[in-house]
């Protein structure tokens, strides 16, 4: 049984593993993972299914009740709860899940930059950074752990490079990993104190009414929705500002350079959706919003949902990251490049200007399973 960090619970969804019987407890499956969750004071006395749907906000109350009924939410010692069981503030509960992903036998990752202190990856789309209840074997941190990226020769080297920030599973682009403890501390501090500047490229639906603007609207959790992770304009929300520049528009779509001036959850996606420019393929902030996401969370990317979406994943790319004296660049990815050649040319133009006109030619790391 593999324990997971409880903070790894995230919005990512996907279809169940093909070898999983949804009527059988996950705790007995050979690939099961376990997550310890402490009951927050404000949830003390709640029903078990209510607690689980509040703790993992992408879960509907019905889906949470199914998980508890199967016996996959337990107290220490294997004491199984029922949906109606009242949980106690401060107690520790254990959730069992079977991630649906399988580790690919070979995977090539592009390296944006590497030295004895840093490993900067061009993260591909649809790769989760950290293990969660949904993804485990194919996550970036597990890949680095099991396939052994070379250890730095620095005195305070870590055995496995540590990501110093997060990207959503569907978002591609620049991801910084530290190869030493001092570098990890320095970069995390830089992110926390907003010393790192980020430029994202977003391919959106709609025609903007501006060429360059700053979207300034407080963001908070949206009330009354079945999926309790959606952010949006909120009078009591946290201040949030995003600098947005139009790089290309045509055929009812546009390519935007988005520079978050604050670091709120889902900030770019929520801001663009609020002004009528949802990112292509965004299941939570797109035209059908939480209805699409609820279907995706329960059943994965079905053929029906795939046909309804403009693209299979959200067309958001972390293109430029500037910090600690470095400018790190990632080219517009192949899965988005073919959608609109003119948008791809505009993306290439932005990156070429930041690279001094030099074409981006990252090196690669081909990771293979042991014996592969």
Protein backbone atom coordinates (compact mmCIF):
# COMPACT_ATOMS: atom_id res chain seq x y z
CA UNK A 1 0.00 0.00 0.00
CA UNK A 2 1.52 3.33 -1.07
CA UNK A 3 0.83 6.40 1.13
CA UNK A 4 0.31 9.78 -0.55
CA UNK A 5 0.75 13.32 0.61
CA UNK A 6 -2.72 14.59 1.59
CA UNK A 7 -1.96 17.92 -0.08
CA UNK A 8 -1.80 16.09 -3.42
CA UNK A 9 -5.59 15.99 -3.68
CA UNK A 10 -6.32 18.07 -6.77
CA UNK A 11 -8.94 18.71 -9.38
CA UNK A 12 -7.63 16.20 -11.94
CA UNK A 13 -10.08 13.58 -13.02
CA UNK A 14 -10.02 10.53 -15.23
CA UNK A 15 -11.71 7.26 -15.97
CA UNK A 16 -11.24 4.36 -13.53
CA UNK A 17 -8.45 1.89 -14.17
CA UNK A 18 -9.64 -0.86 -16.55
CA UNK A 19 -8.86 -3.62 -14.03
CA UNK A 20 -10.85 -2.00 -11.19
CA UNK A 21 -14.24 -3.37 -10.16
CA UNK A 22 -16.10 -0.30 -8.90
CA UNK A 23 -18.22 -2.50 -6.64
CA UNK A 24 -15.17 -3.82 -4.76
CA UNK A 25 -13.15 -1.89 -2.16
CA UNK A 26 -10.01 -0.24 -3.53
CA UNK A 27 -8.18 -1.09 -0.30
CA UNK A 28 -7.77 -4.70 -1.43
CA UNK A 29 -6.32 -3.86 -4.84
CA UNK A 30 -2.55 -4.46 -5.36
CA UNK A 31 -2.09 -0.94 -6.82
CA UNK A 32 -4.10 0.86 -4.14
CA UNK A 33 -2.74 4.07 -2.64
CA UNK A 34 -3.71 5.50 0.74
CA UNK A 35 -4.22 9.12 1.79
CA UNK A 36 -4.41 10.22 5.43
CA UNK A 37 -6.80 13.11 6.06
CA UNK A 38 -7.28 14.96 9.33
CA UNK A 39 -10.83 16.18 9.98
CA UNK A 40 -10.81 19.98 10.18
CA UNK A 41 -12.63 21.51 13.18
CA UNK A 42 -15.38 23.00 11.02
CA UNK A 43 -16.20 19.53 9.64
CA UNK A 44 -16.41 17.82 13.03
CA UNK A 45 -19.80 16.11 13.36
CA UNK A 46 -20.38 15.95 9.59
CA UNK A 47 -21.51 12.75 7.89
CA UNK A 48 -18.65 10.75 6.34
CA UNK A 49 -19.90 11.30 2.78
CA UNK A 50 -20.30 15.02 3.44
CA UNK A 51 -16.77 15.22 4.88
CA UNK A 52 -15.28 13.45 1.85
CA UNK A 53 -17.07 15.64 -0.69
CA UNK A 54 -15.90 18.73 1.21
CA UNK A 55 -12.32 17.46 1.54
CA UNK A 56 -12.07 16.52 -2.18
CA UNK A 57 -14.12 19.25 -3.74
CA UNK A 58 -14.28 17.73 -7.21
CA UNK A 59 -16.36 14.85 -5.77
CA UNK A 60 -20.13 15.12 -5.81
CA UNK A 61 -21.97 14.05 -2.65
CA UNK A 62 -23.33 11.01 -4.54
CA UNK A 63 -19.86 9.94 -5.70
CA UNK A 64 -18.46 10.42 -2.19
CA UNK A 65 -21.23 8.23 -0.74
CA UNK A 66 -20.38 5.47 -3.24
CA UNK A 67 -16.72 5.54 -2.17
CA UNK A 68 -17.61 5.36 1.53
CA UNK A 69 -20.16 2.58 0.93
CA UNK A 70 -17.46 0.46 -0.75
CA UNK A 71 -15.39 0.69 2.44
CA UNK A 72 -12.67 2.96 1.07
CA UNK A 73 -12.87 5.56 3.85
CA UNK A 74 -11.65 4.07 7.12
CA UNK A 75 -10.50 4.88 10.60
CA UNK A 76 -7.06 3.57 11.67
CA UNK A 77 -7.03 -0.17 12.16
CA UNK A 78 -9.33 -0.82 9.22
CA UNK A 79 -12.57 0.31 10.86
CA UNK A 80 -14.88 0.97 7.92
CA UNK A 81 -17.24 3.95 7.97
CA UNK A 82 -20.75 4.24 6.58
CA UNK A 83 -21.94 7.32 4.67
CA UNK A 84 -24.01 8.36 7.70
CA UNK A 85 -21.15 7.91 10.21
CA UNK A 86 -20.32 11.18 11.99
CA UNK A 87 -16.65 12.13 11.84
CA UNK A 88 -14.82 13.71 14.78
CA UNK A 89 -12.81 16.93 14.61
CA UNK A 90 -9.08 16.19 14.76
CA UNK A 91 -9.32 12.48 13.99
CA UNK A 92 -7.35 10.93 11.12
CA UNK A 93 -9.18 9.05 8.37
CA UNK A 94 -7.65 6.99 5.57
CA UNK A 95 -8.91 7.08 1.99
CA UNK A 96 -8.03 4.27 -0.44
CA UNK A 97 -8.01 4.78 -4.21
CA UNK A 98 -6.65 2.94 -7.27
CA UNK A 99 -5.04 5.41 -9.70
CA UNK A 100 -6.04 4.66 -13.29
CA UNK A 101 -2.70 5.51 -14.88
CA UNK A 102 0.03 3.14 -16.00
CA UNK A 103 3.66 4.09 -16.28
CA UNK A 104 4.87 4.32 -19.90
CA UNK A 105 7.88 2.06 -20.62
CA UNK A 106 9.79 4.95 -22.26
CA UNK A 107 9.23 8.67 -22.02
CA UNK A 108 11.27 11.51 -23.52
CA UNK A 109 11.18 14.82 -21.68
CA UNK A 110 12.61 18.04 -23.12
CA UNK A 111 15.05 19.88 -20.88
CA UNK A 112 14.85 23.67 -21.01
CA UNK A 113 17.90 24.13 -18.76
CA UNK A 114 20.13 22.06 -16.52
CA UNK A 115 23.10 22.69 -14.30
CA UNK A 116 24.30 21.38 -10.94
CA UNK A 117 21.59 23.37 -9.16
CA UNK A 118 18.57 23.13 -11.44
CA UNK A 119 16.65 20.83 -13.74
CA UNK A 120 14.13 22.80 -15.81
CA UNK A 121 11.70 20.67 -17.78
CA UNK A 122 9.34 21.40 -20.62
CA UNK A 123 6.42 19.59 -19.00
CA UNK A 124 4.20 17.84 -21.52
CA UNK A 125 0.43 18.25 -21.33
CA UNK A 126 -1.63 15.74 -19.35
CA UNK A 127 1.16 14.85 -16.94
CA UNK A 128 0.44 15.45 -13.26
CA UNK A 129 3.40 16.79 -11.28
CA UNK A 130 2.55 15.14 -7.93
CA UNK A 131 0.79 11.85 -7.11
CA UNK A 132 -2.86 12.13 -6.20
CA UNK A 133 -5.85 9.88 -5.74
CA UNK A 134 -6.23 9.92 -9.52
CA UNK A 135 -2.67 9.76 -10.87
CA UNK A 136 0.39 8.01 -9.52
CA UNK A 137 2.64 5.91 -11.76
CA UNK A 138 2.98 8.42 -14.60
CA UNK A 139 3.40 11.57 -12.45
CA UNK A 140 6.56 13.62 -12.86
CA UNK A 141 7.80 13.17 -9.30
CA UNK A 142 7.36 9.40 -9.48
CA UNK A 143 9.13 9.33 -12.84
CA UNK A 144 12.11 11.18 -11.37
CA UNK A 145 12.09 8.94 -8.30
CA UNK A 146 11.92 5.56 -10.03
CA UNK A 147 13.98 6.25 -13.11
CA UNK A 148 16.84 7.99 -11.38
CA UNK A 149 17.74 11.34 -12.93
CA UNK A 150 21.50 11.79 -12.32
CA UNK A 151 22.34 13.22 -8.89
CA UNK A 152 24.08 16.60 -8.76
CA UNK A 153 27.70 16.76 -7.56
CA UNK A 154 26.87 19.74 -5.27
CA UNK A 155 27.46 19.16 -1.53
CA UNK A 156 23.76 19.59 -0.65
CA UNK A 157 22.43 17.60 -3.61
CA UNK A 158 19.09 15.83 -3.29
CA UNK A 159 18.65 12.32 -4.68
CA UNK A 160 15.53 13.29 -6.64
CA UNK A 161 14.98 16.77 -8.16
CA UNK A 162 12.15 18.60 -6.36
CA UNK A 163 9.62 20.76 -8.28
CA UNK A 164 9.60 24.24 -6.70
CA UNK A 165 6.18 25.26 -8.08
CA UNK A 166 3.11 23.63 -9.61
CA UNK A 167 1.47 23.37 -12.99
CA UNK A 168 -1.99 21.86 -13.52
CA UNK A 169 -1.92 18.41 -15.10
CA UNK A 170 -3.28 19.69 -18.42
CA UNK A 171 -1.05 22.77 -18.57
CA UNK A 172 2.22 22.39 -20.48
CA UNK A 173 5.45 24.36 -20.29
CA UNK A 174 8.30 25.49 -18.05
CA UNK A 175 8.62 23.60 -14.75
CA UNK A 176 11.56 24.32 -12.43
CA UNK A 177 13.00 21.53 -10.28
CA UNK A 178 15.77 21.96 -7.70
CA UNK A 179 18.71 19.57 -7.51
CA UNK A 180 19.98 20.89 -4.15
CA UNK A 181 18.33 21.86 -0.86
CA UNK A 182 19.68 25.44 -1.00
CA UNK A 183 18.34 25.94 -4.52
CA UNK A 184 14.93 24.60 -3.54
CA UNK A 185 14.71 27.05 -0.64
CA UNK A 186 15.86 29.99 -2.75
CA UNK A 187 13.44 29.36 -5.62
CA UNK A 188 10.44 28.63 -3.38
CA UNK A 189 11.14 31.87 -1.56
CA UNK A 190 11.34 33.70 -4.90
CA UNK A 191 7.96 32.32 -5.97
CA UNK A 192 6.41 33.15 -2.60
CA UNK A 193 7.66 36.74 -2.71
CA UNK A 194 6.61 37.23 -6.37
CA UNK A 195 10.17 37.67 -7.62
CA UNK A 196 9.46 35.21 -10.45
CA UNK A 197 7.71 36.62 -13.54
CA UNK A 198 5.59 34.25 -15.62
CA UNK A 199 4.08 34.55 -19.08
CA UNK A 200 1.45 32.03 -20.14
CA UNK A 201 0.07 31.62 -23.65
CA UNK A 202 -3.65 30.89 -23.83
CA UNK A 203 -5.62 29.97 -26.95
CA UNK A 204 -9.15 31.19 -26.26
CA UNK A 205 -12.61 31.26 -27.71
CA UNK A 206 -14.09 34.68 -28.45
CA UNK A 207 -13.01 38.05 -29.81
CA UNK A 208 -11.33 40.42 -27.34
CA UNK A 209 -12.43 44.06 -27.13
CA UNK A 210 -8.92 45.18 -26.13
CA UNK A 211 -5.36 44.82 -27.38
CA UNK A 212 -3.70 45.09 -23.97
CA UNK A 213 -5.30 45.35 -20.56
CA UNK A 214 -5.04 44.36 -16.91
CA UNK A 215 -7.92 42.25 -15.67
CA UNK A 216 -8.44 43.36 -12.08
CA UNK A 217 -11.15 41.47 -10.22
CA UNK A 218 -11.14 39.72 -6.82
CA UNK A 219 -11.56 35.95 -7.03
CA UNK A 220 -13.25 33.55 -4.64
CA UNK A 221 -14.94 30.16 -4.60
CA UNK A 222 -18.27 30.18 -6.43
CA UNK A 223 -21.22 29.27 -4.24
CA UNK A 224 -24.09 26.93 -5.09
CA UNK A 225 -22.25 24.79 -7.63
CA UNK A 226 -22.06 20.95 -7.55
CA UNK A 227 -18.27 21.13 -8.08
CA UNK A 228 -16.75 23.16 -5.24
CA UNK A 229 -13.43 24.13 -6.80
CA UNK A 230 -14.52 26.78 -9.28
CA UNK A 231 -13.18 30.30 -8.76
CA UNK A 232 -14.79 33.45 -10.07
CA UNK A 233 -15.42 37.14 -9.42
CA UNK A 234 -16.35 37.57 -5.78
CA UNK A 235 -16.88 40.83 -3.84
CA UNK A 236 -15.18 39.33 -0.77
CA UNK A 237 -12.57 37.45 -2.81
CA UNK A 238 -8.80 37.87 -2.79
CA UNK A 239 -7.33 40.64 -4.98
CA UNK A 240 -6.24 39.28 -8.37
CA UNK A 241 -4.71 40.99 -11.39
CA UNK A 242 -3.68 39.51 -14.75
CA UNK A 243 -1.90 41.48 -17.49
CA UNK A 244 -3.31 40.31 -20.86
CA UNK A 245 -1.99 41.10 -24.34
CA UNK A 246 -3.58 40.00 -27.63
CA UNK A 247 -1.01 38.34 -29.91
CA UNK A 248 -3.39 37.05 -32.60
CA UNK A 249 -7.09 36.80 -33.33
CA UNK A 250 -9.19 35.30 -36.06
CA UNK A 251 -12.03 32.85 -36.74
CA UNK A 252 -13.64 33.75 -33.43
CA UNK A 253 -10.55 32.77 -31.44
CA UNK A 254 -7.50 34.53 -30.04
CA UNK A 255 -4.01 33.89 -28.66
CA UNK A 256 -3.31 35.81 -25.46
CA UNK A 257 -0.11 36.43 -23.51
CA UNK A 258 -1.15 36.35 -19.85
CA UNK A 259 1.12 37.59 -17.07
CA UNK A 260 -0.33 36.94 -13.59
CA UNK A 261 0.52 39.80 -11.26
CA UNK A 262 -0.89 37.86 -8.30
CA UNK A 263 -0.96 34.11 -7.63
CA UNK A 264 -4.56 33.05 -7.04
CA UNK A 265 -5.90 29.55 -7.74
CA UNK A 266 -7.00 29.18 -11.38
CA UNK A 267 -6.43 32.92 -11.79
CA UNK A 268 -5.85 33.08 -15.56
CA UNK A 269 -8.64 30.62 -16.35
CA UNK A 270 -11.15 32.38 -14.09
CA UNK A 271 -10.28 35.89 -15.31
CA UNK A 272 -10.48 34.99 -19.00
CA UNK A 273 -13.76 33.13 -18.51
CA UNK A 274 -15.22 36.11 -16.66
CA UNK A 275 -14.59 38.44 -19.64
CA UNK A 276 -16.03 36.00 -22.19
CA UNK A 277 -12.72 34.52 -23.43
CA UNK A 278 -12.65 30.95 -22.04
CA UNK A 279 -9.58 28.87 -22.82
CA UNK A 280 -10.14 26.17 -25.44
CA UNK A 281 -10.68 22.75 -23.88
CA UNK A 282 -11.23 24.08 -20.35
CA UNK A 283 -13.75 21.71 -18.80
CA UNK A 284 -14.34 23.83 -15.70
CA UNK A 285 -14.28 27.38 -17.03
CA UNK A 286 -15.49 26.74 -20.59
CA UNK A 287 -18.92 27.58 -22.06
CA UNK A 288 -20.59 24.66 -20.25
CA UNK A 289 -18.49 25.17 -17.12
CA UNK A 290 -19.03 22.82 -14.22
CA UNK A 291 -21.47 20.64 -16.21
CA UNK A 292 -18.60 19.50 -18.43
CA UNK A 293 -16.27 19.07 -15.49
CA UNK A 294 -18.77 17.01 -13.48
CA UNK A 295 -19.12 14.60 -16.42
CA UNK A 296 -15.33 14.44 -16.81
CA UNK A 297 -14.75 13.83 -13.09
CA UNK A 298 -17.10 10.84 -13.04
CA UNK A 299 -16.39 9.25 -16.42
CA UNK A 300 -13.16 10.64 -17.82
CA UNK A 301 -12.82 11.96 -21.36
CA UNK A 302 -15.63 10.06 -23.10
CA UNK A 303 -16.18 10.17 -26.86
CA UNK A 304 -19.26 12.32 -26.28
CA UNK A 305 -17.36 14.84 -24.18
CA UNK A 306 -14.41 14.81 -26.57
CA UNK A 307 -16.76 15.75 -29.39
CA UNK A 308 -18.22 18.63 -27.38
CA UNK A 309 -14.83 20.14 -26.48
CA UNK A 310 -12.86 22.41 -28.79
CA UNK A 311 -9.69 20.59 -27.68
CA UNK A 312 -9.00 17.61 -25.42
CA UNK A 313 -7.10 19.63 -22.83
CA UNK A 314 -7.03 23.25 -21.75
CA UNK A 315 -4.94 25.22 -24.25
CA UNK A 316 -2.77 26.91 -21.62
CA UNK A 317 1.02 26.91 -21.84
CA UNK A 318 3.68 28.23 -19.42
CA UNK A 319 5.89 29.83 -22.07
CA UNK A 320 8.27 32.17 -20.22
CA UNK A 321 9.57 32.16 -16.66
CA UNK A 322 12.04 34.76 -15.38
CA UNK A 323 13.71 34.49 -12.01
CA UNK A 324 17.04 34.27 -10.18
CA UNK A 325 18.85 35.74 -13.19
CA UNK A 326 17.45 33.21 -15.68
CA UNK A 327 14.98 33.52 -18.55
CA UNK A 328 13.48 30.11 -19.28
CA UNK A 329 11.46 29.50 -22.43
CA UNK A 330 9.21 26.73 -23.78
CA UNK A 331 7.98 26.60 -27.39
CA UNK A 332 4.28 26.43 -28.30
CA UNK A 333 3.48 22.69 -28.01
CA UNK A 334 2.72 20.39 -30.92
CA UNK A 335 -0.84 19.49 -29.85
CA UNK A 336 -1.82 23.19 -30.05
CA UNK A 337 0.40 24.16 -32.97
CA UNK A 338 -1.84 22.54 -35.59
CA UNK A 339 -5.07 24.18 -34.41
CA UNK A 340 -4.23 27.62 -35.87
CA UNK A 341 -0.92 28.08 -37.76
CA UNK A 342 -1.23 31.87 -37.44
CA UNK A 343 -1.48 31.57 -33.66
CA UNK A 344 1.56 29.29 -33.64
CA UNK A 345 3.51 31.88 -35.64
CA UNK A 346 2.52 34.58 -33.14
CA UNK A 347 3.64 32.36 -30.25
CA UNK A 348 6.95 31.68 -31.99
CA UNK A 349 7.42 35.41 -32.53
CA UNK A 350 6.98 36.19 -28.84
CA UNK A 351 9.45 33.49 -27.79
CA UNK A 352 11.98 34.48 -30.47
CA UNK A 353 11.93 38.05 -29.15
CA UNK A 354 12.66 36.77 -25.65
CA UNK A 355 15.39 34.42 -26.90
CA UNK A 356 17.16 37.15 -28.88
CA UNK A 357 16.09 35.60 -32.18
CA UNK A 358 17.68 32.21 -31.38
CA UNK A 359 15.60 29.14 -32.15
CA UNK A 360 14.70 27.07 -29.11
CA UNK A 361 16.54 23.74 -29.19
CA UNK A 362 16.15 22.02 -25.82
CA UNK A 363 18.04 18.84 -25.00
CA UNK A 364 16.17 15.70 -23.99
CA UNK A 365 16.13 13.11 -21.23
CA UNK A 366 14.84 9.72 -22.30
CA UNK A 367 13.72 7.89 -19.16
CA UNK A 368 13.22 4.14 -19.28
CA UNK A 369 11.97 1.64 -16.75
CA UNK A 370 14.58 -0.60 -15.18
CA UNK A 371 15.66 -3.19 -17.70
CA UNK A 372 13.89 -1.33 -20.51
